Amino acid sequence: DGAAMLTETIFENRFMHVPELVRFGANINVHGKSAI
């Protein structure tokens, strides 16, 4: 319920799962090292 920001500081390419989560209908926007 609501929004969250997730910031990845360890690996530079660790948001590859985002497009797959979006296929479920998830609302995720990636901005550099962070995702809303």
ModelCIF file with pLDDT and N, C-alpha, C, O atoms, coordinates in Angstrom:
data_MODEL
#
_entry.id   MODEL 
#
_entity.id                         1 
_entity.type                       polymer 
_entity.pdbx_number_of_molecules   1 
#
_entity_poly.entity_id                      1 
_entity_poly.type                           'polypeptide(L)' 
_entity_poly.nstd_linkage                   no 
_entity_poly.nstd_monomer                   no 
_entity_poly.pdbx_seq_one_letter_code       DGAAMLTETIFENRFMHVPELVRFGANINVHGKSAI 
_entity_poly.pdbx_seq_one_letter_code_can   DGAAMLTETIFENRFMHVPELVRFGANINVHGKSAI 
_entity_poly.pdbx_strand_id                 A 
#
loop_
_entity_poly_seq.entity_id 
_entity_poly_seq.num 
_entity_poly_seq.mon_id 
_entity_poly_seq.hetero 
1 1  ASP n 
1 2  GLY n 
1 3  ALA n 
1 4  ALA n 
1 5  MET n 
1 6  LEU n 
1 7  THR n 
1 8  GLU n 
1 9  THR n 
1 10 ILE n 
1 11 PHE n 
1 12 GLU n 
1 13 ASN n 
1 14 ARG n 
1 15 PHE n 
1 16 MET n 
1 17 HIS n 
1 18 VAL n 
1 19 PRO n 
1 20 GLU n 
1 21 LEU n 
1 22 VAL n 
1 23 ARG n 
1 24 PHE n 
1 25 GLY n 
1 26 ALA n 
1 27 ASN n 
1 28 ILE n 
1 29 ASN n 
1 30 VAL n 
1 31 HIS n 
1 32 GLY n 
1 33 LYS n 
1 34 SER n 
1 35 ALA n 
1 36 ILE n 
#
_struct_asym.id          A 
_struct_asym.entity_id   1 
#
loop_
_ma_qa_metric.id 
_ma_qa_metric.mode 
_ma_qa_metric.name 
_ma_qa_metric.software_group_id 
_ma_qa_metric.type 
1 global pLDDT . pLDDT 
2 local  pLDDT . pLDDT 
#
_ma_qa_metric_global.metric_id      1 
_ma_qa_metric_global.metric_value   92.94 
_ma_qa_metric_global.model_id       1 
_ma_qa_metric_global.ordinal_id     1 
#
loop_
_ma_qa_metric_local.label_asym_id 
_ma_qa_metric_local.label_comp_id 
_ma_qa_metric_local.label_seq_id 
_ma_qa_metric_local.metric_id 
_ma_qa_metric_local.metric_value 
_ma_qa_metric_local.model_id 
_ma_qa_metric_local.ordinal_id 
A ASP 1  2 97.00 1 1  
A GLY 2  2 96.00 1 2  
A ALA 3  2 98.00 1 3  
A ALA 4  2 98.00 1 4  
A MET 5  2 98.00 1 5  
A LEU 6  2 97.00 1 6  
A THR 7  2 96.00 1 7  
A GLU 8  2 94.00 1 8  
A THR 9  2 92.00 1 9  
A ILE 10 2 89.00 1 10 
A PHE 11 2 78.00 1 11 
A GLU 12 2 71.00 1 12 
A ASN 13 2 70.00 1 13 
A ARG 14 2 78.00 1 14 
A PHE 15 2 89.00 1 15 
A MET 16 2 88.00 1 16 
A HIS 17 2 92.00 1 17 
A VAL 18 2 95.00 1 18 
A PRO 19 2 95.00 1 19 
A GLU 20 2 96.00 1 20 
A LEU 21 2 97.00 1 21 
A VAL 22 2 97.00 1 22 
A ARG 23 2 97.00 1 23 
A PHE 24 2 98.00 1 24 
A GLY 25 2 97.00 1 25 
A ALA 26 2 98.00 1 26 
A ASN 27 2 98.00 1 27 
A ILE 28 2 97.00 1 28 
A ASN 29 2 97.00 1 29 
A VAL 30 2 95.00 1 30 
A HIS 31 2 93.00 1 31 
A GLY 32 2 91.00 1 32 
A LYS 33 2 94.00 1 33 
A SER 34 2 96.00 1 34 
A ALA 35 2 96.00 1 35 
A ILE 36 2 98.00 1 36 
#
loop_
_atom_site.group_PDB 
_atom_site.id 
_atom_site.type_symbol 
_atom_site.label_atom_id 
_atom_site.label_alt_id 
_atom_site.label_comp_id 
_atom_site.label_asym_id 
_atom_site.label_entity_id 
_atom_site.label_seq_id 
_atom_site.pdbx_PDB_ins_code 
_atom_site.Cartn_x 
_atom_site.Cartn_y 
_atom_site.Cartn_z 
_atom_site.occupancy 
_atom_site.B_iso_or_equiv 
_atom_site.pdbx_formal_charge 
_atom_site.auth_seq_id 
_atom_site.auth_comp_id 
_atom_site.auth_asym_id 
_atom_site.auth_atom_id 
_atom_site.pdbx_PDB_model_num 
ATOM 1   N N  . ASP A 1 1  ? 0.852  -1.179 0.000   1.00 97.00 ? 1  ASP A N  1 
ATOM 2   C CA . ASP A 1 1  ? 0.000  0.000  0.000   1.00 97.00 ? 1  ASP A CA 1 
ATOM 3   C C  . ASP A 1 1  ? 0.896  1.240  0.000   1.00 97.00 ? 1  ASP A C  1 
ATOM 4   O O  . ASP A 1 1  ? 1.499  1.571  1.021   1.00 97.00 ? 1  ASP A O  1 
ATOM 5   N N  . GLY A 1 2  ? 0.982  1.918  -1.133  1.00 96.00 ? 2  GLY A N  1 
ATOM 6   C CA . GLY A 1 2  ? 1.860  3.079  -1.238  1.00 96.00 ? 2  GLY A CA 1 
ATOM 7   C C  . GLY A 1 2  ? 3.077  2.790  -2.097  1.00 96.00 ? 2  GLY A C  1 
ATOM 8   O O  . GLY A 1 2  ? 3.133  1.786  -2.806  1.00 96.00 ? 2  GLY A O  1 
ATOM 9   N N  . ALA A 1 3  ? 4.046  3.686  -2.020  1.00 98.00 ? 3  ALA A N  1 
ATOM 10  C CA . ALA A 1 3  ? 5.233  3.606  -2.865  1.00 98.00 ? 3  ALA A CA 1 
ATOM 11  C C  . ALA A 1 3  ? 6.476  3.338  -2.037  1.00 98.00 ? 3  ALA A C  1 
ATOM 12  O O  . ALA A 1 3  ? 6.504  3.585  -0.831  1.00 98.00 ? 3  ALA A O  1 
ATOM 13  N N  . ALA A 1 4  ? 7.508  2.824  -2.706  1.00 98.00 ? 4  ALA A N  1 
ATOM 14  C CA . ALA A 1 4  ? 8.792  2.574  -2.067  1.00 98.00 ? 4  ALA A CA 1 
ATOM 15  C C  . ALA A 1 4  ? 9.900  2.842  -3.073  1.00 98.00 ? 4  ALA A C  1 
ATOM 16  O O  . ALA A 1 4  ? 9.730  2.638  -4.275  1.00 98.00 ? 4  ALA A O  1 
ATOM 17  N N  . MET A 1 5  ? 11.035 3.300  -2.563  1.00 98.00 ? 5  MET A N  1 
ATOM 18  C CA . MET A 1 5  ? 12.207 3.482  -3.414  1.00 98.00 ? 5  MET A CA 1 
ATOM 19  C C  . MET A 1 5  ? 13.260 2.463  -3.011  1.00 98.00 ? 5  MET A C  1 
ATOM 20  O O  . MET A 1 5  ? 13.562 2.291  -1.830  1.00 98.00 ? 5  MET A O  1 
ATOM 21  N N  . LEU A 1 6  ? 13.805 1.800  -4.000  1.00 97.00 ? 6  LEU A N  1 
ATOM 22  C CA . LEU A 1 6  ? 14.820 0.785  -3.786  1.00 97.00 ? 6  LEU A CA 1 
ATOM 23  C C  . LEU A 1 6  ? 16.089 1.214  -4.524  1.00 97.00 ? 6  LEU A C  1 
ATOM 24  O O  . LEU A 1 6  ? 16.068 1.438  -5.734  1.00 97.00 ? 6  LEU A O  1 
ATOM 25  N N  . THR A 1 7  ? 17.185 1.324  -3.786  1.00 96.00 ? 7  THR A N  1 
ATOM 26  C CA . THR A 1 7  ? 18.454 1.767  -4.369  1.00 96.00 ? 7  THR A CA 1 
ATOM 27  C C  . THR A 1 7  ? 19.480 0.647  -4.298  1.00 96.00 ? 7  THR A C  1 
ATOM 28  O O  . THR A 1 7  ? 19.747 0.108  -3.224  1.00 96.00 ? 7  THR A O  1 
ATOM 29  N N  . GLU A 1 8  ? 20.053 0.299  -5.440  1.00 94.00 ? 8  GLU A N  1 
ATOM 30  C CA . GLU A 1 8  ? 21.041 -0.770 -5.544  1.00 94.00 ? 8  GLU A CA 1 
ATOM 31  C C  . GLU A 1 8  ? 22.439 -0.157 -5.618  1.00 94.00 ? 8  GLU A C  1 
ATOM 32  O O  . GLU A 1 8  ? 22.752 0.562  -6.567  1.00 94.00 ? 8  GLU A O  1 
ATOM 33  N N  . THR A 1 9  ? 23.278 -0.438 -4.623  1.00 92.00 ? 9  THR A N  1 
ATOM 34  C CA . THR A 1 9  ? 24.619 0.149  -4.557  1.00 92.00 ? 9  THR A CA 1 
ATOM 35  C C  . THR A 1 9  ? 25.733 -0.859 -4.807  1.00 92.00 ? 9  THR A C  1 
ATOM 36  O O  . THR A 1 9  ? 26.899 -0.471 -4.879  1.00 92.00 ? 9  THR A O  1 
ATOM 37  N N  . ILE A 1 10 ? 25.407 -2.138 -4.941  1.00 89.00 ? 10 ILE A N  1 
ATOM 38  C CA . ILE A 1 10 ? 26.442 -3.173 -5.027  1.00 89.00 ? 10 ILE A CA 1 
ATOM 39  C C  . ILE A 1 10 ? 26.762 -3.535 -6.476  1.00 89.00 ? 10 ILE A C  1 
ATOM 40  O O  . ILE A 1 10 ? 27.924 -3.506 -6.882  1.00 89.00 ? 10 ILE A O  1 
ATOM 41  N N  . PHE A 1 11 ? 25.743 -3.874 -7.249  1.00 78.00 ? 11 PHE A N  1 
ATOM 42  C CA . PHE A 1 11 ? 25.943 -4.311 -8.626  1.00 78.00 ? 11 PHE A CA 1 
ATOM 43  C C  . PHE A 1 11 ? 25.276 -3.357 -9.595  1.00 78.00 ? 11 PHE A C  1 
ATOM 44  O O  . PHE A 1 11 ? 24.196 -2.833 -9.323  1.00 78.00 ? 11 PHE A O  1 
ATOM 45  N N  . GLU A 1 12 ? 25.918 -3.135 -10.713 1.00 71.00 ? 12 GLU A N  1 
ATOM 46  C CA . GLU A 1 12 ? 25.464 -2.119 -11.659 1.00 71.00 ? 12 GLU A CA 1 
ATOM 47  C C  . GLU A 1 12 ? 24.369 -2.612 -12.602 1.00 71.00 ? 12 GLU A C  1 
ATOM 48  O O  . GLU A 1 12 ? 23.766 -1.810 -13.315 1.00 71.00 ? 12 GLU A O  1 
ATOM 49  N N  . ASN A 1 13 ? 24.103 -3.922 -12.618 1.00 70.00 ? 13 ASN A N  1 
ATOM 50  C CA . ASN A 1 13 ? 23.166 -4.453 -13.592 1.00 70.00 ? 13 ASN A CA 1 
ATOM 51  C C  . ASN A 1 13 ? 22.149 -5.377 -12.928 1.00 70.00 ? 13 ASN A C  1 
ATOM 52  O O  . ASN A 1 13 ? 21.846 -6.454 -13.442 1.00 70.00 ? 13 ASN A O  1 
ATOM 53  N N  . ARG A 1 14 ? 21.627 -4.949 -11.785 1.00 78.00 ? 14 ARG A N  1 
ATOM 54  C CA . ARG A 1 14 ? 20.781 -5.861 -11.038 1.00 78.00 ? 14 ARG A CA 1 
ATOM 55  C C  . ARG A 1 14 ? 19.312 -5.473 -11.032 1.00 78.00 ? 14 ARG A C  1 
ATOM 56  O O  . ARG A 1 14 ? 18.603 -5.756 -10.066 1.00 78.00 ? 14 ARG A O  1 
ATOM 57  N N  . PHE A 1 15 ? 18.852 -4.837 -12.081 1.00 89.00 ? 15 PHE A N  1 
ATOM 58  C CA . PHE A 1 15 ? 17.434 -4.558 -12.241 1.00 89.00 ? 15 PHE A CA 1 
ATOM 59  C C  . PHE A 1 15 ? 16.866 -5.292 -13.453 1.00 89.00 ? 15 PHE A C  1 
ATOM 60  O O  . PHE A 1 15 ? 15.828 -4.897 -13.984 1.00 89.00 ? 15 PHE A O  1 
ATOM 61  N N  . MET A 1 16 ? 17.535 -6.355 -13.896 1.00 88.00 ? 16 MET A N  1 
ATOM 62  C CA . MET A 1 16 ? 17.072 -7.054 -15.082 1.00 88.00 ? 16 MET A CA 1 
ATOM 63  C C  . MET A 1 16 ? 15.732 -7.761 -14.870 1.00 88.00 ? 16 MET A C  1 
ATOM 64  O O  . MET A 1 16 ? 15.050 -8.104 -15.835 1.00 88.00 ? 16 MET A O  1 
ATOM 65  N N  . HIS A 1 17 ? 15.359 -7.976 -13.611 1.00 92.00 ? 17 HIS A N  1 
ATOM 66  C CA . HIS A 1 17 ? 14.074 -8.610 -13.319 1.00 92.00 ? 17 HIS A CA 1 
ATOM 67  C C  . HIS A 1 17 ? 12.903 -7.649 -13.460 1.00 92.00 ? 17 HIS A C  1 
ATOM 68  O O  . HIS A 1 17 ? 11.754 -8.090 -13.496 1.00 92.00 ? 17 HIS A O  1 
ATOM 69  N N  . VAL A 1 18 ? 13.163 -6.340 -13.542 1.00 95.00 ? 18 VAL A N  1 
ATOM 70  C CA . VAL A 1 18 ? 12.078 -5.363 -13.565 1.00 95.00 ? 18 VAL A CA 1 
ATOM 71  C C  . VAL A 1 18 ? 11.108 -5.602 -14.728 1.00 95.00 ? 18 VAL A C  1 
ATOM 72  O O  . VAL A 1 18 ? 9.901  -5.656 -14.494 1.00 95.00 ? 18 VAL A O  1 
ATOM 73  N N  . PRO A 1 19 ? 11.589 -5.749 -15.987 1.00 95.00 ? 19 PRO A N  1 
ATOM 74  C CA . PRO A 1 19 ? 10.631 -5.980 -17.078 1.00 95.00 ? 19 PRO A CA 1 
ATOM 75  C C  . PRO A 1 19 ? 9.757  -7.217 -16.863 1.00 95.00 ? 19 PRO A C  1 
ATOM 76  O O  . PRO A 1 19 ? 8.602  -7.246 -17.289 1.00 95.00 ? 19 PRO A O  1 
ATOM 77  N N  . GLU A 1 20 ? 10.309 -8.234 -16.200 1.00 96.00 ? 20 GLU A N  1 
ATOM 78  C CA . GLU A 1 20 ? 9.526  -9.442 -15.957 1.00 96.00 ? 20 GLU A CA 1 
ATOM 79  C C  . GLU A 1 20 ? 8.483  -9.203 -14.869 1.00 96.00 ? 20 GLU A C  1 
ATOM 80  O O  . GLU A 1 20 ? 7.359  -9.693 -14.978 1.00 96.00 ? 20 GLU A O  1 
ATOM 81  N N  . LEU A 1 21 ? 8.839  -8.458 -13.821 1.00 97.00 ? 21 LEU A N  1 
ATOM 82  C CA . LEU A 1 21 ? 7.856  -8.119 -12.784 1.00 97.00 ? 21 LEU A CA 1 
ATOM 83  C C  . LEU A 1 21 ? 6.746  -7.248 -13.359 1.00 97.00 ? 21 LEU A C  1 
ATOM 84  O O  . LEU A 1 21 ? 5.588  -7.368 -12.960 1.00 97.00 ? 21 LEU A O  1 
ATOM 85  N N  . VAL A 1 22 ? 7.097  -6.376 -14.291 1.00 97.00 ? 22 VAL A N  1 
ATOM 86  C CA . VAL A 1 22 ? 6.096  -5.512 -14.932 1.00 97.00 ? 22 VAL A CA 1 
ATOM 87  C C  . VAL A 1 22 ? 5.065  -6.346 -15.685 1.00 97.00 ? 22 VAL A C  1 
ATOM 88  O O  . VAL A 1 22 ? 3.914  -5.928 -15.810 1.00 97.00 ? 22 VAL A O  1 
ATOM 89  N N  . ARG A 1 23 ? 5.454  -7.516 -16.188 1.00 97.00 ? 23 ARG A N  1 
ATOM 90  C CA . ARG A 1 23 ? 4.515  -8.383 -16.902 1.00 97.00 ? 23 ARG A CA 1 
ATOM 91  C C  . ARG A 1 23 ? 3.369  -8.846 -15.998 1.00 97.00 ? 23 ARG A C  1 
ATOM 92  O O  . ARG A 1 23 ? 2.294  -9.192 -16.489 1.00 97.00 ? 23 ARG A O  1 
ATOM 93  N N  . PHE A 1 24 ? 3.593  -8.854 -14.686 1.00 98.00 ? 24 PHE A N  1 
ATOM 94  C CA . PHE A 1 24 ? 2.511  -9.164 -13.736 1.00 98.00 ? 24 PHE A CA 1 
ATOM 95  C C  . PHE A 1 24 ? 1.557  -7.983 -13.547 1.00 98.00 ? 24 PHE A C  1 
ATOM 96  O O  . PHE A 1 24 ? 0.480  -8.134 -12.971 1.00 98.00 ? 24 PHE A O  1 
ATOM 97  N N  . GLY A 1 25 ? 1.960  -6.809 -14.035 1.00 97.00 ? 25 GLY A N  1 
ATOM 98  C CA . GLY A 1 25 ? 1.207  -5.589 -13.786 1.00 97.00 ? 25 GLY A CA 1 
ATOM 99  C C  . GLY A 1 25 ? 1.852  -4.674 -12.768 1.00 97.00 ? 25 GLY A C  1 
ATOM 100 O O  . GLY A 1 25 ? 1.277  -3.648 -12.406 1.00 97.00 ? 25 GLY A O  1 
ATOM 101 N N  . ALA A 1 26 ? 3.040  -5.028 -12.299 1.00 98.00 ? 26 ALA A N  1 
ATOM 102 C CA . ALA A 1 26 ? 3.738  -4.217 -11.305 1.00 98.00 ? 26 ALA A CA 1 
ATOM 103 C C  . ALA A 1 26 ? 4.089  -2.847 -11.887 1.00 98.00 ? 26 ALA A C  1 
ATOM 104 O O  . ALA A 1 26 ? 4.450  -2.718 -13.057 1.00 98.00 ? 26 ALA A O  1 
ATOM 105 N N  . ASN A 1 27 ? 3.970  -1.834 -11.032 1.00 98.00 ? 27 ASN A N  1 
ATOM 106 C CA . ASN A 1 27 ? 4.249  -0.448 -11.415 1.00 98.00 ? 27 ASN A CA 1 
ATOM 107 C C  . ASN A 1 27 ? 5.648  -0.083 -10.901 1.00 98.00 ? 27 ASN A C  1 
ATOM 108 O O  . ASN A 1 27 ? 5.808  0.297  -9.740  1.00 98.00 ? 27 ASN A O  1 
ATOM 109 N N  . ILE A 1 28 ? 6.649  -0.199 -11.765 1.00 97.00 ? 28 ILE A N  1 
ATOM 110 C CA . ILE A 1 28 ? 8.044  0.009  -11.377 1.00 97.00 ? 28 ILE A CA 1 
ATOM 111 C C  . ILE A 1 28 ? 8.714  0.910  -12.401 1.00 97.00 ? 28 ILE A C  1 
ATOM 112 O O  . ILE A 1 28 ? 8.634  0.662  -13.604 1.00 97.00 ? 28 ILE A O  1 
ATOM 113 N N  . ASN A 1 29 ? 9.375  1.958  -11.921 1.00 97.00 ? 29 ASN A N  1 
ATOM 114 C CA . ASN A 1 29 ? 10.133 2.858  -12.780 1.00 97.00 ? 29 ASN A CA 1 
ATOM 115 C C  . ASN A 1 29 ? 11.570 2.916  -12.295 1.00 97.00 ? 29 ASN A C  1 
ATOM 116 O O  . ASN A 1 29 ? 11.822 3.195  -11.123 1.00 97.00 ? 29 ASN A O  1 
ATOM 117 N N  . VAL A 1 30 ? 12.503 2.658  -13.182 1.00 95.00 ? 30 VAL A N  1 
ATOM 118 C CA . VAL A 1 30 ? 13.920 2.646  -12.839 1.00 95.00 ? 30 VAL A CA 1 
ATOM 119 C C  . VAL A 1 30 ? 14.561 3.963  -13.252 1.00 95.00 ? 30 VAL A C  1 
ATOM 120 O O  . VAL A 1 30 ? 14.386 4.429  -14.378 1.00 95.00 ? 30 VAL A O  1 
ATOM 121 N N  . HIS A 1 31 ? 15.311 4.557  -12.321 1.00 93.00 ? 31 HIS A N  1 
ATOM 122 C CA . HIS A 1 31 ? 16.071 5.776  -12.579 1.00 93.00 ? 31 HIS A CA 1 
ATOM 123 C C  . HIS A 1 31 ? 17.508 5.548  -12.104 1.00 93.00 ? 31 HIS A C  1 
ATOM 124 O O  . HIS A 1 31 ? 17.815 5.725  -10.926 1.00 93.00 ? 31 HIS A O  1 
ATOM 125 N N  . GLY A 1 32 ? 18.377 5.154  -13.028 1.00 91.00 ? 32 GLY A N  1 
ATOM 126 C CA . GLY A 1 32 ? 19.769 4.882  -12.658 1.00 91.00 ? 32 GLY A CA 1 
ATOM 127 C C  . GLY A 1 32 ? 19.870 3.730  -11.682 1.00 91.00 ? 32 GLY A C  1 
ATOM 128 O O  . GLY A 1 32 ? 19.464 2.610  -11.993 1.00 91.00 ? 32 GLY A O  1 
ATOM 129 N N  . LYS A 1 33 ? 20.411 3.999  -10.496 1.00 94.00 ? 33 LYS A N  1 
ATOM 130 C CA . LYS A 1 33 ? 20.604 2.967  -9.480  1.00 94.00 ? 33 LYS A CA 1 
ATOM 131 C C  . LYS A 1 33 ? 19.393 2.775  -8.580  1.00 94.00 ? 33 LYS A C  1 
ATOM 132 O O  . LYS A 1 33 ? 19.426 1.956  -7.661  1.00 94.00 ? 33 LYS A O  1 
ATOM 133 N N  . SER A 1 34 ? 18.318 3.528  -8.837  1.00 96.00 ? 34 SER A N  1 
ATOM 134 C CA . SER A 1 34 ? 17.136 3.452  -7.986  1.00 96.00 ? 34 SER A CA 1 
ATOM 135 C C  . SER A 1 34 ? 15.904 3.050  -8.789  1.00 96.00 ? 34 SER A C  1 
ATOM 136 O O  . SER A 1 34 ? 15.806 3.303  -9.990  1.00 96.00 ? 34 SER A O  1 
ATOM 137 N N  . ALA A 1 35 ? 14.984 2.426  -8.098  1.00 96.00 ? 35 ALA A N  1 
ATOM 138 C CA . ALA A 1 35 ? 13.707 2.058  -8.696  1.00 96.00 ? 35 ALA A CA 1 
ATOM 139 C C  . ALA A 1 35 ? 12.584 2.529  -7.779  1.00 96.00 ? 35 ALA A C  1 
ATOM 140 O O  . ALA A 1 35 ? 12.655 2.358  -6.562  1.00 96.00 ? 35 ALA A O  1 
ATOM 141 N N  . ILE A 1 36 ? 11.554 3.118  -8.363  1.00 98.00 ? 36 ILE A N  1 
ATOM 142 C CA . ILE A 1 36 ? 10.351 3.513  -7.634  1.00 98.00 ? 36 ILE A CA 1 
ATOM 143 C C  . ILE A 1 36 ? 9.282  2.457  -7.891  1.00 98.00 ? 36 ILE A C  1 
ATOM 144 O O  . ILE A 1 36 ? 8.168  2.569  -7.379  1.00 98.00 ? 36 ILE A O  1 
#
